[in-house]
Amino acid sequence: MLKSQEIREKAPEMDSLRMGMGWTKEELERPQIIIESTYGQSHPGSAHLDKLVEEAYKGVYDKGGKPAKFFATDICDGQAQGHDGMNYSLASREYIANMIEIHIGATPYDAGVFIASCDKGMPAHLQAIARMKIPSIVLTGGTMKAGPGMLTLEQIGTYSAKYERKEITKEEFTYFKHNACPSCGACSFMGTAGTMQVMAEALGLALPGTAFMPATAVELGSHAYRAGQHALALVEMNLTADKILTEKAFENAIMVHAAVAGSSNSLLHLPSIAKELEIEIKPEKFDDLHRKVPYILNVRPSGEFPGEYFWYAGGVPGVMEEIKDLLHLDVMTVTGKTLGENLEDLKNSEYYQKCQKELSQRGFKKEDIIKPRSNPIRKEGAIGILKGNLAPEGAVVKHSAISEAMMEATLVARPFDSEEEAIKAVLSGKIKAGDGVFIRYEGPKGSGMPEMFYTTEAIASDPELASTTALITDGRFSGATRGPAIGHVSPEASEGGPIALVEEGDLIEINIPDRQLNIVGVKEEPRSKEEMVSILQERKARWIKPEPKYTKGALGVYTKLAVSPMKGGYME
């Protein structure tokens, strides 16, 4: 018996209450499908999802099911930038996942269609799917169109820094701000939103070729309808999410992540999703797989093209074809077929011909966007995991966005205890070539682990600083981040990690090829490894743990329960 029918027998009020909102007797007896989404007028990535929800609803109903709409609206990282609103961002992932759990757990459904687009809504849905283990299909909300001259939102941070430095006029800056988001959809680059849409398909939970397509494309609505219909097929197959989300599936996702130069925030999200299934994804897994898989996608922020061109070039399947021999082709997917079978089906359809037509109309070819594996942008993937006496548990660097000059460097520490202090120092010219800018007490337990986007943009938009300095933090970065940025430093400062002990003038060794991050000197003078051990021990003895920044409300709960950034920053 279906779960929905079992619950009707256990809760006699169920029929009465549902008929009170318009259900018929015949509908009560149908398979019942929950349609979860982040729809709300919160930002462009969610404002259009109601239309996709309606199409999915029709798909479920026409196939013989009874759909029910539920909403857990997300926030916008872009609108939370530059103020304490960003502290809520990572925490919101936990609360959205919890709300979806409540929706599904309080009134069991037979399957679910999950629709989201953006930074925390997308991983929150995946986290909830993994936790609840019901038959599930994901529809991603797509990417917005680029503005005039291929203008995209991640460039606004650069223009903001240029405006602060009087390099552009107020009128020029206003023009860029008012034209960067010409449509609904996720930001048009491979940021966290785009990356997590790609991860949904790479994990096998979205229909092949549907992730991160233009939100304005007519096909997106038809895919929503198909997703609704397919939810009934999942019920028949009893294909639950845990049968798809295997360790091999996560490895596939990480390999695709390497190929597309995905957001560093995926190191927070994929381990958190896997943890729901008692699968441990260690940081070293990312590092190992990124060393094996070449970076081939020429899409911003690491590449040249806006996000919509990714789908025109073949999307996730197009990337998978280039690294096919590395993938686990035998994994089960939401189609009821293996990944290998899905890729063959696409080759035998008109999918790639349609993609080629879209590109040809724009004057480009596939190889302009998805490079052949034989001629990659870089021989390794985008992410590296650094360790050393500064980050005993690890730190994350997106080295695809770093100049060759910064792959190995020794910098002079300039520590700050908040982003506000750091960005003021950068914009006022106090940060010089060869400095290592530290922003600390911004980890999960410190302030909720906000992004350091504006400081990274201030550095990256300055040609001299971009090639001679680095930003090092226990906070995190926007998926749009460019330039020398090292985040997730663990243990975090609020837990007494070595990043809390860094002092002005310390020498900081960065060695990305050897994956090292160390404090190697004091007052700009080198010290031996043994001397540094003694110095750090003495500093730790003097360190005083700060009082919690938040003690009540959503952030009070999150900062109290959050685990290390290198574990995923989830609440435990």
Protein backbone atom coordinates (compact mmCIF):
# COMPACT_ATOMS: atom_id res chain seq x y z
CA MET A 1 0.00 0.00 0.00
CA LEU A 2 1.19 3.52 -0.80
CA LYS A 3 2.32 5.64 2.14
CA SER A 4 -0.37 8.19 1.41
CA GLN A 5 -3.04 5.51 1.68
CA GLU A 6 -1.58 4.04 4.85
CA ILE A 7 -1.74 7.42 6.53
CA ARG A 8 -5.40 7.82 5.55
CA GLU A 9 -6.19 4.70 7.54
CA LYS A 10 -4.22 5.89 10.56
CA ALA A 11 -5.56 9.46 10.55
CA PRO A 12 -9.33 9.48 9.98
CA GLU A 13 -9.38 13.30 9.89
CA MET A 14 -7.16 13.25 6.79
CA ASP A 15 -9.97 12.84 4.27
CA SER A 16 -12.14 15.46 5.94
CA LEU A 17 -9.39 18.06 6.08
CA ARG A 18 -8.30 17.54 2.49
CA MET A 19 -11.84 17.64 1.18
CA GLY A 20 -12.13 20.92 3.10
CA MET A 21 -9.57 22.42 0.70
CA GLY A 22 -11.22 21.04 -2.41
CA TRP A 23 -9.96 17.47 -2.86
CA THR A 24 -12.47 15.00 -4.28
CA LYS A 25 -13.00 11.42 -3.12
CA GLU A 26 -11.32 10.20 -6.32
CA GLU A 27 -8.29 12.42 -5.73
CA LEU A 28 -7.86 11.10 -2.21
CA GLU A 29 -7.27 7.64 -3.66
CA ARG A 30 -4.64 8.74 -6.18
CA PRO A 31 -0.86 8.53 -5.58
CA GLN A 32 0.01 11.74 -3.78
CA ILE A 33 2.99 13.79 -4.90
CA ILE A 34 4.48 16.70 -2.98
CA ILE A 35 5.82 19.56 -5.10
CA GLU A 36 8.39 21.46 -3.07
CA SER A 37 9.95 24.68 -4.27
CA THR A 38 11.66 27.84 -3.09
CA TYR A 39 9.13 29.99 -4.95
CA GLY A 40 8.77 33.47 -3.52
CA GLN A 41 9.43 37.06 -4.52
CA SER A 42 12.81 36.92 -2.84
CA HIS A 43 15.10 37.11 -5.88
CA PRO A 44 15.23 36.28 -9.63
CA GLY A 45 16.19 32.66 -8.97
CA SER A 46 12.90 31.93 -7.20
CA ALA A 47 10.40 34.53 -8.47
CA HIS A 48 9.59 32.50 -11.61
CA LEU A 49 9.35 29.08 -10.01
CA ASP A 50 5.58 29.31 -9.57
CA LYS A 51 5.23 28.80 -13.33
CA LEU A 52 7.35 25.65 -13.17
CA VAL A 53 5.39 24.45 -10.15
CA GLU A 54 2.17 24.82 -12.17
CA GLU A 55 3.59 22.78 -15.05
CA ALA A 56 4.81 20.07 -12.70
CA TYR A 57 1.38 20.10 -11.05
CA LYS A 58 -0.29 19.52 -14.42
CA GLY A 59 2.16 16.74 -15.21
CA VAL A 60 1.37 14.92 -11.96
CA TYR A 61 -2.38 15.35 -12.34
CA ASP A 62 -2.53 14.32 -15.99
CA LYS A 63 -0.60 11.15 -15.18
CA GLY A 64 -3.07 10.11 -12.51
CA GLY A 65 -1.56 11.55 -9.34
CA LYS A 66 -2.72 14.20 -6.90
CA PRO A 67 -0.13 16.95 -6.45
CA ALA A 68 0.22 19.25 -3.45
CA LYS A 69 2.24 22.48 -3.49
CA PHE A 70 4.56 23.34 -0.62
CA PHE A 71 6.97 26.27 -0.41
CA ALA A 72 10.12 27.02 1.58
CA THR A 73 11.29 30.33 0.12
CA ASP A 74 15.02 30.98 0.14
CA ILE A 75 17.00 34.19 0.52
CA CYS A 76 19.34 35.80 -1.98
CA ASP A 77 23.06 35.82 -1.29
CA GLY A 78 23.44 38.78 -3.63
CA GLN A 79 20.97 40.90 -1.67
CA ALA A 80 22.54 39.74 1.60
CA GLN A 81 26.00 40.97 0.56
CA GLY A 82 27.76 43.79 2.33
CA HIS A 83 25.84 43.63 5.62
CA ASP A 84 25.07 41.17 8.42
CA GLY A 85 22.28 39.61 6.35
CA MET A 86 24.96 37.40 4.79
CA ASN A 87 25.40 35.69 8.16
CA TYR A 88 22.01 34.04 7.60
CA SER A 89 22.96 32.54 4.26
CA LEU A 90 24.58 29.21 5.13
CA ALA A 91 22.27 28.77 8.12
CA SER A 92 19.28 29.11 5.78
CA ARG A 93 20.29 25.88 4.07
CA GLU A 94 19.73 24.03 7.32
CA TYR A 95 16.38 25.63 8.01
CA ILE A 96 15.03 25.09 4.49
CA ALA A 97 16.06 21.42 4.62
CA ASN A 98 14.41 21.11 8.03
CA MET A 99 11.19 22.69 6.76
CA ILE A 100 11.04 20.29 3.83
CA GLU A 101 11.62 17.42 6.25
CA ILE A 102 8.71 18.69 8.32
CA HIS A 103 6.47 18.93 5.25
CA ILE A 104 7.25 15.37 4.16
CA GLY A 105 7.47 13.85 7.63
CA ALA A 106 4.27 15.32 9.06
CA THR A 107 2.12 14.12 6.15
CA PRO A 108 3.87 11.40 4.13
CA TYR A 109 3.71 11.58 0.34
CA ASP A 110 4.47 8.87 -2.20
CA ALA A 111 7.04 10.88 -4.16
CA GLY A 112 8.24 14.43 -4.63
CA VAL A 113 9.12 16.96 -7.32
CA PHE A 114 11.71 19.42 -6.01
CA ILE A 115 12.19 22.77 -7.77
CA ALA A 116 14.91 25.26 -6.83
CA SER A 117 17.60 27.40 -8.42
CA CYS A 118 19.99 29.04 -6.05
CA ASP A 119 22.85 28.93 -3.60
CA LYS A 120 21.16 27.51 -0.50
CA GLY A 121 17.74 26.48 -1.83
CA MET A 122 19.24 23.95 -4.22
CA PRO A 123 21.53 22.15 -1.70
CA ALA A 124 18.80 22.36 0.95
CA HIS A 125 16.42 20.46 -1.32
CA LEU A 126 19.09 17.86 -2.07
CA GLN A 127 19.85 17.53 1.64
CA ALA A 128 16.18 16.99 2.45
CA ILE A 129 15.77 14.46 -0.38
CA ALA A 130 18.72 12.48 0.97
CA ARG A 131 17.35 12.66 4.52
CA MET A 132 13.78 11.61 3.69
CA LYS A 133 14.67 8.96 1.07
CA ILE A 134 11.40 9.20 -0.87
CA PRO A 135 11.17 8.80 -4.67
CA SER A 136 12.37 12.22 -5.83
CA ILE A 137 13.00 14.14 -9.02
CA VAL A 138 14.70 17.54 -9.17
CA LEU A 139 13.95 20.31 -11.63
CA THR A 140 16.46 23.15 -11.60
CA GLY A 141 15.19 26.67 -12.21
CA GLY A 142 17.80 27.58 -14.80
CA THR A 143 20.02 30.59 -15.39
CA MET A 144 19.16 34.19 -16.25
CA LYS A 145 20.12 35.77 -19.54
CA ALA A 146 23.26 37.88 -19.74
CA GLY A 147 22.90 41.64 -20.03
CA PRO A 148 24.24 43.96 -22.76
CA GLY A 149 27.75 43.07 -23.85
CA MET A 150 27.48 39.78 -21.94
CA LEU A 151 27.24 41.70 -18.66
CA THR A 152 26.68 39.36 -15.69
CA LEU A 153 26.11 39.99 -12.00
CA GLU A 154 29.50 38.83 -10.70
CA GLN A 155 31.04 41.81 -12.52
CA ILE A 156 29.13 44.25 -10.29
CA GLY A 157 31.55 43.62 -7.41
CA THR A 158 34.41 44.65 -9.67
CA TYR A 159 32.57 47.78 -10.84
CA SER A 160 31.74 48.62 -7.23
CA ALA A 161 35.42 48.51 -6.28
CA LYS A 162 36.28 50.60 -9.35
CA TYR A 163 33.64 53.16 -8.39
CA GLU A 164 35.00 53.33 -4.83
CA ARG A 165 38.46 54.00 -6.30
CA LYS A 166 36.97 56.69 -8.63
CA GLU A 167 37.92 54.68 -11.72
CA ILE A 168 34.38 54.85 -13.17
CA THR A 169 31.61 57.43 -12.82
CA LYS A 170 28.42 57.06 -10.83
CA GLU A 171 26.45 57.01 -14.08
CA GLU A 172 28.55 54.15 -15.46
CA PHE A 173 28.22 52.19 -12.23
CA THR A 174 24.44 52.72 -12.18
CA TYR A 175 24.15 51.49 -15.78
CA PHE A 176 25.97 48.26 -14.91
CA LYS A 177 23.82 47.70 -11.81
CA HIS A 178 20.58 48.25 -13.72
CA ASN A 179 21.42 45.92 -16.61
CA ALA A 180 23.19 42.94 -15.02
CA CYS A 181 20.02 40.88 -14.36
CA PRO A 182 17.70 41.12 -17.39
CA SER A 183 15.59 38.05 -16.54
CA CYS A 184 14.68 35.55 -13.87
CA GLY A 185 16.92 32.57 -13.14
CA ALA A 186 20.10 31.96 -11.19
CA CYS A 187 23.06 34.27 -11.77
CA SER A 188 24.56 33.68 -15.20
CA PHE A 189 27.90 32.19 -14.23
CA MET A 190 29.17 28.99 -12.61
CA GLY A 191 28.68 30.28 -9.11
CA THR A 192 27.21 28.28 -6.27
CA ALA A 193 23.70 28.37 -7.72
CA GLY A 194 24.82 27.14 -11.14
CA THR A 195 27.19 24.62 -9.62
CA MET A 196 24.53 23.08 -7.40
CA GLN A 197 22.09 22.88 -10.31
CA VAL A 198 24.79 20.98 -12.18
CA MET A 199 25.40 18.79 -9.13
CA ALA A 200 21.70 17.82 -9.02
CA GLU A 201 21.97 16.37 -12.51
CA ALA A 202 25.45 14.94 -11.96
CA LEU A 203 24.14 13.08 -8.90
CA GLY A 204 21.44 11.51 -11.07
CA LEU A 205 18.39 13.27 -9.57
CA ALA A 206 17.48 15.52 -12.53
CA LEU A 207 16.43 14.43 -16.01
CA PRO A 208 19.44 14.39 -18.38
CA GLY A 209 20.20 17.71 -20.03
CA THR A 210 17.87 19.81 -17.86
CA ALA A 211 20.26 21.46 -15.40
CA PHE A 212 21.15 25.16 -15.61
CA MET A 213 19.35 25.80 -18.89
CA PRO A 214 18.19 29.35 -19.66
CA ALA A 215 15.28 30.19 -17.39
CA THR A 216 13.56 31.89 -20.33
CA ALA A 217 13.71 28.78 -22.53
CA VAL A 218 10.34 27.34 -23.55
CA GLU A 219 11.78 23.87 -22.97
CA LEU A 220 12.09 24.49 -19.23
CA GLY A 221 8.32 24.48 -18.83
CA SER A 222 8.00 21.25 -20.77
CA HIS A 223 10.70 19.71 -18.58
CA ALA A 224 8.70 20.73 -15.51
CA TYR A 225 5.66 18.93 -16.94
CA ARG A 226 7.81 15.85 -17.68
CA ALA A 227 9.19 15.93 -14.14
CA GLY A 228 5.67 15.89 -12.73
CA GLN A 229 4.71 12.94 -14.89
CA HIS A 230 7.92 11.10 -14.07
CA ALA A 231 7.22 11.33 -10.34
CA LEU A 232 4.46 8.75 -10.89
CA ALA A 233 6.93 6.46 -12.67
CA LEU A 234 9.23 6.71 -9.64
CA VAL A 235 6.37 5.54 -7.44
CA GLU A 236 5.80 2.53 -9.68
CA MET A 237 9.51 1.68 -9.72
CA ASN A 238 9.86 2.38 -5.97
CA LEU A 239 13.04 4.21 -6.97
CA THR A 240 13.88 6.07 -3.78
CA ALA A 241 16.57 8.74 -3.52
CA ASP A 242 18.94 6.58 -1.48
CA LYS A 243 19.17 4.10 -4.38
CA ILE A 244 20.50 6.92 -6.57
CA LEU A 245 22.64 8.84 -4.09
CA THR A 246 25.44 6.30 -3.68
CA GLU A 247 29.10 6.95 -3.02
CA LYS A 248 29.79 6.42 -6.73
CA ALA A 249 27.18 9.06 -7.58
CA PHE A 250 28.94 11.58 -5.32
CA GLU A 251 32.26 10.76 -6.96
CA ASN A 252 30.68 11.41 -10.36
CA ALA A 253 29.41 14.76 -9.11
CA ILE A 254 32.84 15.75 -7.81
CA MET A 255 34.44 14.83 -11.15
CA VAL A 256 31.91 16.97 -13.01
CA HIS A 257 32.59 19.70 -10.45
CA ALA A 258 36.27 19.54 -11.36
CA ALA A 259 35.55 19.75 -15.08
CA VAL A 260 33.30 22.80 -14.77
CA ALA A 261 35.44 24.65 -12.16
CA GLY A 262 32.53 24.63 -9.75
CA SER A 263 32.06 26.81 -6.70
CA SER A 264 34.16 26.12 -3.61
CA ASN A 265 30.91 26.16 -1.63
CA SER A 266 30.24 22.67 -2.98
CA LEU A 267 32.69 21.49 -0.33
CA LEU A 268 30.12 22.62 2.21
CA HIS A 269 27.13 21.19 0.37
CA LEU A 270 28.07 17.79 -1.07
CA PRO A 271 29.44 16.44 2.25
CA SER A 272 26.29 17.68 4.01
CA ILE A 273 24.04 15.90 1.53
CA ALA A 274 26.12 12.71 1.73
CA LYS A 275 26.09 12.81 5.53
CA GLU A 276 22.31 12.35 5.47
CA LEU A 277 22.97 8.92 3.91
CA GLU A 278 25.85 8.12 6.28
CA ILE A 279 28.32 8.53 3.41
CA GLU A 280 31.47 10.42 4.40
CA ILE A 281 32.91 12.73 1.76
CA LYS A 282 36.27 13.88 3.07
CA PRO A 283 38.01 16.99 1.69
CA GLU A 284 40.78 14.77 0.39
CA LYS A 285 38.26 13.14 -1.94
CA PHE A 286 37.77 16.48 -3.69
CA ASP A 287 41.51 17.01 -3.93
CA ASP A 288 42.22 13.52 -5.29
CA LEU A 289 39.50 13.65 -7.94
CA HIS A 290 40.29 17.23 -8.96
CA ARG A 291 43.88 16.18 -9.62
CA LYS A 292 42.62 13.51 -12.04
CA VAL A 293 39.99 15.48 -13.95
CA PRO A 294 40.85 18.40 -16.26
CA TYR A 295 39.10 21.75 -16.08
CA ILE A 296 37.38 22.19 -19.46
CA LEU A 297 34.43 24.60 -19.13
CA ASN A 298 35.06 28.12 -20.41
CA VAL A 299 32.33 29.80 -18.36
CA ARG A 300 32.57 32.66 -15.86
CA PRO A 301 33.86 33.37 -13.28
CA SER A 302 36.93 31.31 -14.20
CA GLY A 303 36.21 31.42 -17.95
CA GLU A 304 34.87 33.81 -20.57
CA PHE A 305 31.21 33.03 -21.28
CA PRO A 306 27.97 33.67 -19.34
CA GLY A 307 26.25 30.66 -17.79
CA GLU A 308 23.59 30.20 -20.48
CA TYR A 309 26.31 29.17 -22.96
CA PHE A 310 27.01 26.10 -20.88
CA TRP A 311 23.64 24.64 -21.82
CA TYR A 312 23.96 25.75 -25.44
CA ALA A 313 27.21 23.77 -25.61
CA GLY A 314 25.62 20.55 -24.32
CA GLY A 315 25.26 21.13 -20.59
CA VAL A 316 26.07 18.41 -18.08
CA PRO A 317 25.91 15.60 -20.67
CA GLY A 318 28.32 17.53 -22.92
CA VAL A 319 30.85 17.74 -20.09
CA MET A 320 30.28 14.11 -19.10
CA GLU A 321 31.04 12.92 -22.63
CA GLU A 322 34.48 14.53 -22.38
CA ILE A 323 35.34 12.72 -19.13
CA LYS A 324 33.22 9.63 -19.77
CA ASP A 325 35.98 7.07 -19.17
CA LEU A 326 36.50 8.46 -15.63
CA LEU A 327 32.85 8.32 -14.57
CA HIS A 328 30.95 5.46 -12.94
CA LEU A 329 28.57 4.77 -15.81
CA ASP A 330 26.78 1.97 -13.97
CA VAL A 331 25.15 4.19 -11.34
CA MET A 332 21.35 4.30 -11.24
CA THR A 333 19.65 7.61 -12.08
CA VAL A 334 16.19 9.11 -11.75
CA THR A 335 15.26 7.88 -15.23
CA GLY A 336 15.37 4.29 -14.01
CA LYS A 337 18.36 3.78 -16.28
CA THR A 338 22.09 3.96 -15.63
CA LEU A 339 24.16 7.03 -16.38
CA GLY A 340 25.76 5.22 -19.32
CA GLU A 341 22.36 4.40 -20.78
CA ASN A 342 21.21 8.00 -20.38
CA LEU A 343 24.25 9.32 -22.26
CA GLU A 344 23.66 6.86 -25.10
CA ASP A 345 19.98 7.81 -25.29
CA LEU A 346 20.93 11.50 -25.62
CA LYS A 347 23.35 10.76 -28.45
CA ASN A 348 20.58 8.92 -30.28
CA SER A 349 18.15 11.82 -29.79
CA GLU A 350 18.23 15.35 -31.22
CA TYR A 351 19.62 16.84 -28.02
CA TYR A 352 23.10 17.73 -29.28
CA GLN A 353 21.77 18.93 -32.64
CA LYS A 354 19.54 21.41 -30.81
CA CYS A 355 22.49 22.55 -28.72
CA GLN A 356 24.63 23.07 -31.81
CA LYS A 357 21.87 25.11 -33.45
CA GLU A 358 21.70 27.42 -30.44
CA LEU A 359 25.46 27.98 -30.53
CA SER A 360 25.63 28.43 -34.30
CA GLN A 361 23.02 31.18 -34.10
CA ARG A 362 25.33 33.01 -31.70
CA GLY A 363 28.45 32.50 -33.81
CA PHE A 364 30.18 29.95 -31.61
CA LYS A 365 30.93 26.24 -31.59
CA LYS A 366 30.94 23.71 -28.76
CA GLU A 367 34.74 23.76 -28.42
CA ASP A 368 34.62 27.47 -27.56
CA ILE A 369 32.74 26.66 -24.36
CA ILE A 370 33.40 22.99 -23.52
CA LYS A 371 37.03 22.37 -24.38
CA PRO A 372 38.07 18.92 -25.57
CA ARG A 373 39.77 16.88 -22.91
CA SER A 374 42.84 16.68 -25.12
CA ASN A 375 43.16 20.48 -24.92
CA PRO A 376 41.83 21.51 -21.48
CA ILE A 377 41.95 24.94 -19.89
CA ARG A 378 43.95 23.33 -17.09
CA LYS A 379 45.12 19.76 -16.68
CA GLU A 380 43.62 19.57 -13.18
CA GLY A 381 40.27 20.56 -11.73
CA ALA A 382 39.59 23.81 -9.96
CA ILE A 383 39.82 22.92 -6.28
CA GLY A 384 42.74 22.17 -3.99
CA ILE A 385 42.77 21.27 -0.29
CA LEU A 386 45.62 22.92 1.60
CA LYS A 387 46.96 21.80 4.97
CA GLY A 388 49.69 22.89 7.34
CA ASN A 389 50.24 24.56 10.69
CA LEU A 390 47.81 27.33 9.70
CA ALA A 391 45.06 24.88 8.67
CA PRO A 392 45.55 21.50 10.41
CA GLU A 393 42.09 20.31 9.31
CA GLY A 394 42.37 21.91 5.89
CA ALA A 395 41.47 24.93 3.78
CA VAL A 396 39.97 25.33 0.30
CA VAL A 397 41.42 27.18 -2.67
CA LYS A 398 39.89 27.55 -6.12
CA HIS A 399 43.19 27.63 -7.96
CA SER A 400 41.60 27.79 -11.42
CA ALA A 401 41.02 31.48 -10.69
CA ILE A 402 44.55 32.19 -9.43
CA SER A 403 47.49 33.54 -11.43
CA GLU A 404 50.59 31.39 -11.83
CA ALA A 405 52.52 33.93 -9.74
CA MET A 406 50.41 33.11 -6.68
CA MET A 407 50.63 29.33 -6.92
CA GLU A 408 53.74 29.49 -4.70
CA ALA A 409 54.27 32.57 -2.54
CA THR A 410 55.38 33.84 0.87
CA LEU A 411 53.28 36.74 2.08
CA VAL A 412 53.23 39.12 5.05
CA ALA A 413 50.19 38.69 7.30
CA ARG A 414 47.73 41.53 7.72
CA PRO A 415 45.05 40.13 10.08
CA PHE A 416 41.55 41.57 10.57
CA ASP A 417 38.78 40.30 12.84
CA SER A 418 35.95 41.26 10.47
CA GLU A 419 35.39 41.77 6.75
CA GLU A 420 34.42 45.40 7.27
CA GLU A 421 37.90 46.21 8.60
CA ALA A 422 39.60 44.29 5.80
CA ILE A 423 37.76 45.82 2.86
CA LYS A 424 38.33 49.31 4.25
CA ALA A 425 42.07 48.60 4.35
CA VAL A 426 42.05 47.28 0.77
CA LEU A 427 40.06 50.16 -0.73
CA SER A 428 42.07 52.82 1.16
CA GLY A 429 45.35 51.49 -0.23
CA LYS A 430 46.74 50.17 3.06
CA ILE A 431 47.16 46.69 1.60
CA LYS A 432 50.29 46.41 -0.51
CA ALA A 433 51.81 43.90 -2.89
CA GLY A 434 53.04 40.87 -0.98
CA ASP A 435 50.48 41.13 1.82
CA GLY A 436 48.33 38.24 3.02
CA VAL A 437 44.97 39.64 4.11
CA PHE A 438 43.35 37.61 6.91
CA ILE A 439 39.66 37.81 7.78
CA ARG A 440 38.85 35.66 10.79
CA TYR A 441 36.07 34.94 13.29
CA GLU A 442 33.81 34.52 10.25
CA GLY A 443 33.47 30.71 10.39
CA PRO A 444 30.24 28.81 11.13
CA LYS A 445 30.58 29.23 14.91
CA GLY A 446 31.92 32.76 14.65
CA SER A 447 29.26 34.54 12.62
CA GLY A 448 27.53 31.89 10.49
CA MET A 449 30.24 31.70 7.80
CA PRO A 450 29.33 34.58 5.47
CA GLU A 451 30.91 35.16 2.07
CA MET A 452 33.86 37.53 1.72
CA PHE A 453 32.76 38.58 -1.77
CA TYR A 454 33.38 42.32 -1.72
CA THR A 455 36.89 41.98 -0.30
CA THR A 456 37.86 39.39 -2.91
CA GLU A 457 36.47 41.63 -5.66
CA ALA A 458 38.31 44.64 -4.30
CA ILE A 459 41.55 42.65 -4.52
CA ALA A 460 40.79 40.93 -7.84
CA SER A 461 39.83 44.22 -9.53
CA ASP A 462 43.20 45.76 -8.65
CA PRO A 463 45.72 44.42 -11.22
CA GLU A 464 48.69 44.71 -8.84
CA LEU A 465 47.00 43.18 -5.79
CA ALA A 466 45.37 40.40 -7.83
CA SER A 467 48.74 38.95 -8.74
CA THR A 468 50.65 39.69 -5.53
CA THR A 469 48.31 39.24 -2.54
CA ALA A 470 45.95 36.63 -1.12
CA LEU A 471 42.86 36.64 1.07
CA ILE A 472 42.81 33.93 3.75
CA THR A 473 39.74 33.34 5.91
CA ASP A 474 37.78 30.89 8.02
CA GLY A 475 34.74 32.28 6.23
CA ARG A 476 33.77 31.33 2.69
CA PHE A 477 33.57 32.85 -0.75
CA SER A 478 30.94 33.55 -3.33
CA GLY A 479 30.84 31.13 -6.24
CA ALA A 480 31.64 34.23 -8.29
CA THR A 481 34.96 34.75 -6.53
CA ARG A 482 38.03 35.34 -8.66
CA GLY A 483 41.64 35.74 -7.70
CA PRO A 484 43.82 34.48 -4.82
CA ALA A 485 41.35 33.42 -2.16
CA ILE A 486 41.76 30.68 0.46
CA GLY A 487 38.75 29.89 2.64
CA HIS A 488 37.18 27.40 5.06
CA VAL A 489 40.39 27.51 7.15
CA SER A 490 39.88 24.93 9.88
CA PRO A 491 39.74 24.85 12.83
CA GLU A 492 38.10 28.27 12.68
CA ALA A 493 39.21 31.21 14.81
CA SER A 494 36.26 31.01 17.19
CA GLU A 495 37.39 27.48 18.12
CA GLY A 496 40.97 28.61 18.73
CA GLY A 497 42.32 27.45 15.40
CA PRO A 498 45.77 28.71 14.34
CA ILE A 499 44.15 31.40 12.16
CA ALA A 500 43.17 33.12 15.45
CA LEU A 501 46.84 33.23 16.44
CA VAL A 502 48.19 34.99 13.33
CA GLU A 503 49.84 38.32 14.12
CA GLU A 504 50.79 41.32 12.02
CA GLY A 505 54.01 40.66 10.14
CA ASP A 506 53.91 36.85 10.27
CA LEU A 507 55.22 35.16 7.14
CA ILE A 508 52.66 32.96 5.39
CA GLU A 509 53.71 30.23 2.98
CA ILE A 510 51.26 29.29 0.22
CA ASN A 511 52.24 26.31 -1.92
CA ILE A 512 49.30 25.14 -4.01
CA PRO A 513 51.15 22.43 -5.99
CA ASP A 514 52.25 20.83 -2.69
CA ARG A 515 48.93 21.76 -1.01
CA GLN A 516 50.64 23.57 1.88
CA LEU A 517 49.50 26.53 4.01
CA ASN A 518 51.88 27.43 6.83
CA ILE A 519 53.02 30.18 9.15
CA VAL A 520 56.78 30.21 8.55
CA GLY A 521 58.00 33.42 10.18
CA VAL A 522 57.45 36.21 12.69
CA LYS A 523 57.90 39.97 12.19
CA GLU A 524 58.83 39.26 8.56
CA GLU A 525 61.70 37.01 9.67
CA PRO A 526 61.74 33.28 8.78
CA ARG A 527 61.61 30.79 11.64
CA SER A 528 62.22 27.05 11.74
CA LYS A 529 59.38 24.55 11.91
CA GLU A 530 60.26 23.76 15.52
CA GLU A 531 60.36 27.42 16.49
CA MET A 532 56.91 27.98 14.97
CA VAL A 533 55.49 25.10 17.01
CA SER A 534 56.72 26.77 20.19
CA ILE A 535 55.56 30.23 19.14
CA LEU A 536 52.05 29.04 18.28
CA GLN A 537 51.79 27.13 21.56
CA GLU A 538 52.72 30.26 23.48
CA ARG A 539 50.18 32.34 21.53
CA LYS A 540 47.46 29.74 22.10
CA ALA A 541 48.08 29.90 25.86
CA ARG A 542 47.38 33.67 25.74
CA TRP A 543 44.33 33.38 23.45
CA ILE A 544 40.93 34.18 25.00
CA LYS A 545 37.86 32.61 23.43
CA PRO A 546 35.45 35.39 22.43
CA GLU A 547 31.86 35.52 23.62
CA PRO A 548 29.38 34.15 21.02
CA LYS A 549 28.25 36.80 18.54
CA TYR A 550 24.73 35.34 18.51
CA THR A 551 23.02 33.72 21.47
CA LYS A 552 19.39 33.44 20.36
CA GLY A 553 17.23 33.08 17.28
CA ALA A 554 18.16 31.26 14.09
CA LEU A 555 21.82 32.31 14.19
CA GLY A 556 22.10 31.54 17.89
CA VAL A 557 21.06 27.96 17.20
CA TYR A 558 23.18 27.63 14.07
CA THR A 559 26.41 29.05 15.49
CA LYS A 560 26.05 26.84 18.54
CA LEU A 561 25.50 23.59 16.61
CA ALA A 562 27.47 24.09 13.38
CA VAL A 563 30.38 21.76 12.64
CA SER A 564 33.72 22.61 11.00
CA PRO A 565 33.73 24.13 7.51
CA MET A 566 35.76 21.16 6.26
CA LYS A 567 32.99 18.80 7.39
CA GLY A 568 30.24 20.80 5.68
CA GLY A 569 29.15 23.43 8.20
CA TYR A 570 25.91 21.57 8.94
CA MET A 571 24.20 21.57 12.34
CA GLU A 572 24.92 18.58 14.55
